[in-house]
Amino acid sequence: MYGKQKEWEPNVDRLVRSAIKDERYCSFILDHLERPATEGIKDVKTLERLWVRASQSDMTVAEFIRYQKGE
């Protein structure tokens, strides 16, 4: 009776500062930050600074990813 569960799709137009409250968005962002953006994430403090920037940003998820990638 139960149908197939719908796969989660992120809303990349959502503001990143609210999106990071959901672990799925955090994973999505990190998955989309390819090198060289992730090369600088070598320790917990660096990762924490990334989330602080995200929490204070007026960018959408998509804009934040592009910005972090240097695009």
N, C-alpha and C. Protein backbone atom coordinates (compact mmCIF):
# COMPACT_ATOMS: atom_id res chain seq x y z
N MET A 1 0.80 -1.20 0.00
CA MET A 1 0.00 0.00 0.00
C MET A 1 0.84 1.27 0.00
N TYR A 2 1.99 1.16 0.64
CA TYR A 2 2.82 2.35 0.71
C TYR A 2 3.57 2.53 -0.59
N GLY A 3 3.52 3.74 -1.10
CA GLY A 3 4.24 4.04 -2.33
C GLY A 3 5.71 4.24 -2.07
N LYS A 4 6.42 4.37 -3.10
CA LYS A 4 7.85 4.61 -3.00
C LYS A 4 8.06 5.99 -2.38
N GLN A 5 8.96 6.04 -1.40
CA GLN A 5 9.23 7.32 -0.73
C GLN A 5 9.96 8.26 -1.70
N LYS A 6 9.51 9.48 -1.74
CA LYS A 6 10.09 10.47 -2.64
C LYS A 6 11.49 10.85 -2.15
N GLU A 7 12.42 10.90 -3.08
CA GLU A 7 13.79 11.27 -2.76
C GLU A 7 13.85 12.75 -2.42
N TRP A 8 14.63 13.09 -1.41
CA TRP A 8 14.78 14.48 -0.97
C TRP A 8 15.51 15.28 -2.04
N GLU A 9 14.95 16.44 -2.36
CA GLU A 9 15.58 17.36 -3.29
C GLU A 9 15.73 18.70 -2.59
N PRO A 10 16.95 19.19 -2.50
CA PRO A 10 17.16 20.47 -1.81
C PRO A 10 16.61 21.64 -2.61
N ASN A 11 16.16 22.63 -1.88
CA ASN A 11 15.74 23.89 -2.49
C ASN A 11 16.95 24.81 -2.49
N VAL A 12 17.64 24.89 -3.62
CA VAL A 12 18.87 25.67 -3.69
C VAL A 12 18.61 27.17 -3.70
N ASP A 13 17.34 27.57 -3.77
CA ASP A 13 16.98 28.99 -3.69
C ASP A 13 16.70 29.41 -2.25
N ARG A 14 16.78 28.48 -1.33
CA ARG A 14 16.57 28.77 0.09
C ARG A 14 17.80 29.50 0.63
N LEU A 15 17.58 30.42 1.57
CA LEU A 15 18.71 31.13 2.16
C LEU A 15 19.59 30.13 2.91
N VAL A 16 20.88 30.24 2.68
CA VAL A 16 21.82 29.29 3.27
C VAL A 16 21.82 29.38 4.79
N ARG A 17 21.59 30.58 5.34
CA ARG A 17 21.64 30.72 6.81
C ARG A 17 20.55 29.92 7.50
N SER A 18 19.42 29.71 6.86
CA SER A 18 18.39 28.88 7.47
C SER A 18 18.54 27.42 7.05
N ALA A 19 19.06 27.19 5.86
CA ALA A 19 19.20 25.83 5.35
C ALA A 19 20.18 25.00 6.18
N ILE A 20 21.22 25.63 6.70
CA ILE A 20 22.24 24.85 7.42
C ILE A 20 21.74 24.29 8.75
N LYS A 21 20.55 24.63 9.13
CA LYS A 21 19.96 24.03 10.33
C LYS A 21 19.50 22.60 10.06
N ASP A 22 19.49 22.20 8.80
CA ASP A 22 19.10 20.87 8.37
C ASP A 22 20.36 20.13 7.90
N GLU A 23 20.69 19.04 8.53
CA GLU A 23 21.91 18.29 8.20
C GLU A 23 21.99 17.90 6.73
N ARG A 24 20.84 17.67 6.12
CA ARG A 24 20.84 17.30 4.70
C ARG A 24 21.44 18.41 3.85
N TYR A 25 21.15 19.66 4.19
CA TYR A 25 21.72 20.78 3.44
C TYR A 25 23.21 20.89 3.69
N CYS A 26 23.64 20.67 4.91
CA CYS A 26 25.08 20.71 5.22
C CYS A 26 25.81 19.69 4.36
N SER A 27 25.29 18.48 4.30
CA SER A 27 25.90 17.43 3.48
C SER A 27 25.87 17.81 2.01
N PHE A 28 24.74 18.35 1.57
CA PHE A 28 24.60 18.77 0.18
C PHE A 28 25.65 19.82 -0.18
N ILE A 29 25.82 20.80 0.68
CA ILE A 29 26.80 21.87 0.43
C ILE A 29 28.20 21.29 0.36
N LEU A 30 28.57 20.47 1.34
CA LEU A 30 29.91 19.90 1.33
C LEU A 30 30.14 19.00 0.12
N ASP A 31 29.12 18.26 -0.28
CA ASP A 31 29.24 17.40 -1.46
C ASP A 31 29.47 18.21 -2.72
N HIS A 32 28.94 19.43 -2.76
CA HIS A 32 29.06 20.26 -3.96
C HIS A 32 30.24 21.22 -3.92
N LEU A 33 30.94 21.25 -2.81
CA LEU A 33 32.16 22.04 -2.74
C LEU A 33 33.32 21.14 -3.14
N GLU A 34 33.60 21.15 -4.41
CA GLU A 34 34.69 20.34 -4.93
C GLU A 34 36.00 21.10 -4.76
N ARG A 35 37.07 20.41 -5.02
CA ARG A 35 38.37 21.07 -4.95
C ARG A 35 38.42 22.26 -5.88
N PRO A 36 39.07 23.33 -5.59
CA PRO A 36 39.93 23.56 -4.44
C PRO A 36 39.19 24.04 -3.20
N ALA A 37 37.88 24.25 -3.27
CA ALA A 37 37.14 24.81 -2.12
C ALA A 37 37.29 23.95 -0.87
N THR A 38 37.27 22.64 -1.00
CA THR A 38 37.34 21.78 0.18
C THR A 38 38.77 21.49 0.62
N GLU A 39 39.76 21.86 -0.17
CA GLU A 39 41.15 21.61 0.22
C GLU A 39 41.52 22.39 1.47
N GLY A 40 40.86 23.52 1.69
CA GLY A 40 41.14 24.32 2.87
C GLY A 40 40.46 23.80 4.13
N ILE A 41 39.58 22.83 4.00
CA ILE A 41 38.88 22.28 5.16
C ILE A 41 39.68 21.09 5.67
N LYS A 42 40.63 21.40 6.53
CA LYS A 42 41.51 20.35 7.04
C LYS A 42 41.28 20.06 8.51
N ASP A 43 40.50 20.89 9.15
CA ASP A 43 40.24 20.67 10.57
C ASP A 43 38.86 21.21 10.94
N VAL A 44 38.47 20.93 12.16
CA VAL A 44 37.14 21.30 12.64
C VAL A 44 36.96 22.82 12.68
N LYS A 45 38.00 23.54 13.06
CA LYS A 45 37.88 25.01 13.15
C LYS A 45 37.58 25.62 11.78
N THR A 46 38.21 25.11 10.76
CA THR A 46 37.97 25.61 9.40
C THR A 46 36.53 25.32 8.98
N LEU A 47 36.06 24.13 9.29
CA LEU A 47 34.68 23.78 8.98
C LEU A 47 33.70 24.65 9.76
N GLU A 48 34.02 24.90 11.03
CA GLU A 48 33.15 25.78 11.84
C GLU A 48 33.09 27.18 11.24
N ARG A 49 34.21 27.69 10.74
CA ARG A 49 34.22 29.02 10.13
C ARG A 49 33.34 29.05 8.88
N LEU A 50 33.34 27.94 8.12
CA LEU A 50 32.47 27.86 6.94
C LEU A 50 31.02 28.01 7.36
N TRP A 51 30.61 27.30 8.42
CA TRP A 51 29.22 27.36 8.87
C TRP A 51 28.88 28.71 9.50
N VAL A 52 29.86 29.37 10.13
CA VAL A 52 29.61 30.73 10.65
C VAL A 52 29.34 31.67 9.49
N ARG A 53 30.16 31.57 8.43
CA ARG A 53 29.92 32.42 7.24
C ARG A 53 28.54 32.13 6.66
N ALA A 54 28.18 30.86 6.59
CA ALA A 54 26.87 30.50 6.04
C ALA A 54 25.75 31.05 6.91
N SER A 55 25.91 30.98 8.22
CA SER A 55 24.86 31.42 9.15
C SER A 55 24.64 32.93 9.11
N GLN A 56 25.61 33.68 8.60
CA GLN A 56 25.50 35.13 8.55
C GLN A 56 25.26 35.64 7.13
N SER A 57 25.09 34.73 6.20
CA SER A 57 25.00 35.09 4.79
C SER A 57 23.58 35.39 4.34
N ASP A 58 23.47 36.30 3.39
CA ASP A 58 22.20 36.59 2.73
C ASP A 58 22.09 35.87 1.40
N MET A 59 23.03 34.96 1.12
CA MET A 59 23.04 34.22 -0.13
C MET A 59 22.10 33.01 -0.06
N THR A 60 21.71 32.56 -1.24
CA THR A 60 20.97 31.30 -1.31
C THR A 60 21.99 30.15 -1.22
N VAL A 61 21.49 28.95 -1.09
CA VAL A 61 22.37 27.78 -1.05
C VAL A 61 23.22 27.72 -2.32
N ALA A 62 22.60 27.89 -3.47
CA ALA A 62 23.32 27.84 -4.74
C ALA A 62 24.38 28.94 -4.83
N GLU A 63 24.04 30.15 -4.44
CA GLU A 63 24.99 31.26 -4.47
C GLU A 63 26.16 31.01 -3.53
N PHE A 64 25.87 30.48 -2.34
CA PHE A 64 26.91 30.21 -1.35
C PHE A 64 27.89 29.16 -1.89
N ILE A 65 27.37 28.12 -2.51
CA ILE A 65 28.24 27.09 -3.08
C ILE A 65 29.12 27.70 -4.17
N ARG A 66 28.52 28.48 -5.07
CA ARG A 66 29.31 29.11 -6.13
C ARG A 66 30.37 30.04 -5.55
N TYR A 67 30.00 30.81 -4.54
CA TYR A 67 30.94 31.74 -3.91
C TYR A 67 32.10 30.98 -3.27
N GLN A 68 31.79 29.93 -2.54
CA GLN A 68 32.84 29.15 -1.89
C GLN A 68 33.76 28.46 -2.88
N LYS A 69 33.22 28.14 -4.04
CA LYS A 69 34.02 27.50 -5.09
C LYS A 69 34.84 28.53 -5.87
N GLY A 70 34.60 29.81 -5.60
CA GLY A 70 35.33 30.86 -6.27
C GLY A 70 34.82 31.18 -7.65
N GLU A 71 33.56 30.89 -7.89
CA GLU A 71 32.97 31.15 -9.22
C GLU A 71 32.35 32.53 -9.27
